[in-house]
């Protein structure tokens, strides 16, 4: 079980995301993280342990962006480390994602993506899904698709390819005012 919180609004996202994670901490207590978009950049902080560990680390580092996603984790794939905590950012730096569930065929997809030059930072099935979406997103953009349309197509194609369960939230630097969710 994991907890996912997203926020879009006029207020600074980080304090709202942290408060939401605190309320969902019972759903995952081995690590937590958040990603806020500010000035066309992802600002991501991930920490093992309780949400208070994340709060202590994040508040001085995260600027005042008003859109973000966050996650509290109960590990299924990969150890309890900062690198395995969510959100995961794609290898190309364009997509950040949080995921609740298990992608059963992640190892096969990971090998296919690695053969195409995609690199990974974690041991998680979740990062595989983030990178699959990002890879297919780049392919869609090459076909002259608008970013919003390209991301939706990439997400739908990715979710049709994975086997398992998921609840996800995605942000993309090309769409700085959008959070996409799927389950």
Protein backbone atom coordinates (compact mmCIF):
# COMPACT_ATOMS: atom_id res chain seq x y z
CA UNK A 1 0.00 0.00 0.00
CA UNK A 2 1.18 3.53 -0.77
CA UNK A 3 -0.26 7.01 -0.56
CA UNK A 4 -0.40 9.54 -3.41
CA UNK A 5 -1.14 13.25 -3.11
CA UNK A 6 -1.22 15.80 -5.94
CA UNK A 7 -1.84 19.53 -5.85
CA UNK A 8 -2.50 22.31 -8.36
CA UNK A 9 -3.49 25.71 -7.04
CA UNK A 10 -2.44 29.20 -6.07
CA UNK A 11 -0.61 28.31 -2.86
CA UNK A 12 2.87 26.83 -2.49
CA UNK A 13 2.50 23.12 -3.22
CA UNK A 14 5.17 21.66 -0.90
CA UNK A 15 3.46 22.36 2.46
CA UNK A 16 0.13 21.08 1.14
CA UNK A 17 1.71 17.92 -0.27
CA UNK A 18 3.56 17.28 2.99
CA UNK A 19 0.37 17.70 5.01
CA UNK A 20 -1.43 15.26 2.70
CA UNK A 21 1.38 12.73 3.08
CA UNK A 22 1.27 13.05 6.85
CA UNK A 23 -2.42 12.11 6.71
CA UNK A 24 -1.65 9.09 4.50
CA UNK A 25 1.48 7.96 6.31
CA UNK A 26 -0.26 4.82 7.55
CA UNK A 27 -0.35 3.66 3.89
CA UNK A 28 3.43 3.60 3.58
CA UNK A 29 6.07 4.43 6.11
CA UNK A 30 9.40 3.32 4.69
CA UNK A 31 10.01 6.37 2.50
CA UNK A 32 8.36 9.49 1.13
CA UNK A 33 9.02 12.06 -1.54
CA UNK A 34 7.65 15.00 -3.44
CA UNK A 35 8.20 16.76 -6.74
CA UNK A 36 7.20 20.37 -7.32
CA UNK A 37 7.41 22.14 -10.69
CA UNK A 38 8.84 25.62 -10.33
CA UNK A 39 10.30 27.78 -13.11
CA UNK A 40 10.13 24.94 -15.65
CA UNK A 41 12.15 22.56 -13.47
CA UNK A 42 11.42 19.57 -11.27
CA UNK A 43 12.40 20.06 -7.65
CA UNK A 44 12.38 16.59 -6.12
CA UNK A 45 13.25 15.46 -2.60
CA UNK A 46 13.02 11.81 -1.47
CA UNK A 47 13.86 10.38 1.94
CA UNK A 48 13.67 7.06 3.72
CA UNK A 49 11.74 6.91 6.96
CA UNK A 50 8.79 8.92 8.14
CA UNK A 51 7.20 11.92 6.44
CA UNK A 52 8.84 14.17 9.05
CA UNK A 53 12.24 13.19 7.59
CA UNK A 54 11.01 14.43 4.21
CA UNK A 55 9.52 17.60 5.70
CA UNK A 56 12.82 18.49 7.38
CA UNK A 57 14.72 17.97 4.13
CA UNK A 58 12.19 19.41 1.68
CA UNK A 59 10.96 22.69 3.10
CA UNK A 60 14.33 24.48 2.89
CA UNK A 61 14.98 23.11 -0.61
CA UNK A 62 11.67 23.30 -2.44
CA UNK A 63 10.76 26.66 -3.94
CA UNK A 64 7.24 27.99 -4.09
CA UNK A 65 5.91 26.16 -7.14
CA UNK A 66 2.18 25.60 -7.08
CA UNK A 67 1.91 22.19 -8.74
CA UNK A 68 3.32 18.90 -7.51
CA UNK A 69 2.95 15.23 -6.72
CA UNK A 70 4.01 13.28 -3.64
CA UNK A 71 4.12 9.74 -2.36
CA UNK A 72 4.56 7.71 0.78
CA UNK A 73 5.92 4.23 0.08
CA UNK A 74 5.60 0.72 1.32
CA UNK A 75 8.27 -1.09 -0.72
CA UNK A 76 7.42 -3.95 -3.05
CA UNK A 77 10.34 -3.79 -5.54
CA UNK A 78 13.76 -2.54 -4.52
CA UNK A 79 15.09 -1.84 -1.07
CA UNK A 80 14.23 1.01 1.24
CA UNK A 81 16.59 3.70 -0.09
CA UNK A 82 16.35 7.33 -1.13
CA UNK A 83 16.89 6.27 -4.78
CA UNK A 84 13.96 3.85 -4.65
CA UNK A 85 11.63 6.38 -3.02
CA UNK A 86 9.09 8.14 -5.25
CA UNK A 87 8.59 10.32 -7.25
CA UNK A 88 10.70 8.89 -10.05
CA UNK A 89 11.95 11.15 -12.81
CA UNK A 90 12.40 9.71 -16.28
CA UNK A 91 15.88 9.31 -17.71
CA UNK A 92 15.33 12.29 -20.03
CA UNK A 93 14.15 14.53 -17.17
CA UNK A 94 10.77 15.38 -18.71
CA UNK A 95 8.38 13.21 -16.67
CA UNK A 96 7.98 12.63 -12.93
CA UNK A 97 5.66 9.94 -11.62
CA UNK A 98 4.37 8.35 -8.42
CA UNK A 99 2.91 4.85 -8.46
CA UNK A 100 0.92 2.64 -6.14
CA UNK A 101 0.73 -1.01 -7.17
CA UNK A 102 2.93 -3.65 -8.76
CA UNK A 103 4.03 -3.89 -12.39
CA UNK A 104 4.54 -7.63 -12.84
CA UNK A 105 6.31 -7.51 -16.21
CA UNK A 106 8.66 -4.65 -15.27
CA UNK A 107 11.86 -6.71 -15.77
CA UNK A 108 11.03 -7.47 -19.42
CA UNK A 109 10.09 -3.85 -20.13
CA UNK A 110 13.22 -2.61 -18.36
CA UNK A 111 15.47 -4.81 -20.52
CA UNK A 112 13.71 -3.58 -23.68
CA UNK A 113 14.15 0.06 -22.66
CA UNK A 114 17.79 -0.44 -21.67
CA UNK A 115 18.43 -1.94 -25.13
CA UNK A 116 17.10 1.36 -26.56
CA UNK A 117 19.46 3.46 -24.42
CA UNK A 118 17.19 4.28 -21.48
CA UNK A 119 19.03 4.42 -18.14
CA UNK A 120 17.69 3.73 -14.65
CA UNK A 121 18.54 5.09 -11.21
CA UNK A 122 16.48 2.74 -9.02
CA UNK A 123 15.51 -0.91 -8.64
CA UNK A 124 11.77 -0.22 -8.81
CA UNK A 125 9.01 -1.31 -11.13
CA UNK A 126 7.67 2.24 -10.82
CA UNK A 127 10.68 3.84 -12.49
CA UNK A 128 10.25 1.37 -15.35
CA UNK A 129 6.73 2.67 -15.90
CA UNK A 130 7.89 6.30 -15.72
CA UNK A 131 10.59 5.61 -18.31
CA UNK A 132 8.21 3.69 -20.57
CA UNK A 133 5.80 6.62 -20.58
CA UNK A 134 8.68 9.05 -21.27
CA UNK A 135 10.10 6.92 -24.08
CA UNK A 136 6.71 6.64 -25.79
CA UNK A 137 6.06 10.35 -25.16
CA UNK A 138 9.22 11.26 -27.08
CA UNK A 139 8.11 8.97 -29.91
CA UNK A 140 4.71 10.68 -30.02
CA UNK A 141 6.32 14.13 -30.07
CA UNK A 142 8.38 13.09 -33.11
CA UNK A 143 5.08 12.47 -34.91
CA UNK A 144 4.23 16.18 -34.48
CA UNK A 145 1.72 15.57 -31.70
CA UNK A 146 0.97 18.41 -29.30
CA UNK A 147 2.44 17.73 -25.83
CA UNK A 148 -0.90 17.07 -24.12
CA UNK A 149 -2.09 14.71 -26.82
CA UNK A 150 1.33 13.01 -26.98
CA UNK A 151 1.44 12.40 -23.24
CA UNK A 152 -2.07 10.94 -23.13
CA UNK A 153 -1.27 8.60 -26.03
CA UNK A 154 2.02 7.56 -24.44
CA UNK A 155 0.31 6.89 -21.13
CA UNK A 156 -2.50 4.86 -22.69
CA UNK A 157 -0.03 2.79 -24.72
CA UNK A 158 2.16 2.24 -21.66
CA UNK A 159 -0.71 1.13 -19.46
CA UNK A 160 -1.89 -1.29 -22.15
CA UNK A 161 1.61 -2.84 -22.17
CA UNK A 162 2.07 -3.31 -18.43
CA UNK A 163 0.69 -6.23 -16.45
CA UNK A 164 -0.27 -5.62 -12.86
CA UNK A 165 -1.93 -2.95 -10.81
CA UNK A 166 -1.46 0.77 -10.64
CA UNK A 167 -2.65 4.06 -9.36
CA UNK A 168 -0.39 6.79 -10.74
CA UNK A 169 0.05 10.53 -10.95
CA UNK A 170 2.30 12.12 -13.59
CA UNK A 171 3.64 15.60 -14.19
CA UNK A 172 5.51 16.69 -17.30
CA UNK A 173 7.75 19.73 -17.77
CA UNK A 174 6.14 20.40 -21.16
CA UNK A 175 2.73 20.70 -19.42
CA UNK A 176 3.56 22.65 -16.25
CA UNK A 177 -0.10 23.18 -15.27
CA UNK A 178 -1.29 19.57 -15.55
CA UNK A 179 -1.34 16.47 -13.38
CA UNK A 180 -2.52 13.28 -15.03
CA UNK A 181 -3.84 10.42 -12.93
CA UNK A 182 -4.76 6.88 -13.88
CA UNK A 183 -5.77 3.70 -12.10
